[in-house]
């Protein structure tokens, strides 16, 4: 009797087990088919490309007339930067710097949130504010821009390109994304550049600008950030975060950042620290998986505070002639860490 009951229970377990396995198989096969049907019937809207060319004027700032000793005292106009003799209360002559009639521009922030496309950031022509030009698919994307100004004159300009359709519909769509935008940054304005560039390709040329801070997230795709010429003033802070893809940093020394940090997760990173370093700087580089190549600058004293590679290959070669550098040479402190992959550091 017990044997018959055990046999009946075994057959019941086997039956329910078979039903469960068939249910899992049906789910694994049926779900992709269902998603494919949804994508086929819903898809994404037909592209409607819109050209955009928008210029945002910026506050000029207050015009200063006078000298550094007493800005409220007007002095005869002279070219900015001219030393003008004045007389103090004791009757002694001294030299003060005449500011002429140059405007002091207020500081601003440019905030980017751009993804799914090809994006270029570069200096604007002299005298021009922030400008956006290019074209995008307005059927599937929204392009929004906003400008706010504070009572003290500081300002923020935000540019955002985001999807109007879900990622599911985008995933099953056979249409290529062809958003192409160029953002022109103003010259001779102290600006902080922050935000993210994601899922696509970006080319950023920041040489010649007056940058106080650069903080960008460079997500999936190929991204290049370049300083082809020295910035107007040394950069205070440079922080970049890479997700997946390739990141090229070129001519970092031309920005002469006081502090720079690059964090990478998966991909290939090429970091060129060459350029005209004007001040001392700290560079902190960390990546998880992939390959990282760092090119060291000439004429700069290199101090390696830490270099480590958990699993993989690490090569470190310093430039020759470090002992012969003058005392006035800038000092570059390096902290380099990797988890899995390859790290090469050389001149």
Foldseek 3Di string as FASTA:
>chain_A
DVVVVVVVVVVVVVVVVVVVVVVVVCCVVVVVVVLLVCLVVPAADDFDKDKDKDFDDADQAAWFADWPVDRVDHDPADPFQDWDWDADPVRDIDTTGTRGGHHQAAEEEEEEAAEQEEEEEEADPAPTAKIKTFMFGPRFKDWDWDKDADPVRYIYIYIHIDTPDDVSSVVSHPDHGYGYMYIHHYAPHEYEYEYEYEHEEYEYEDAQHRYAYYYYEYEPDEYEHEHPAAYPDAHAEAEYEYEEEEYEYYALQSNQYQEYEYEEEYYEYEAEPEHPRDAAHEYEYEYEEDEYEYEDYPLAQEAEPAAEEQEEEEEEDDDPPNVVRDPNHYYYYYHYYYYYYYYYYYD
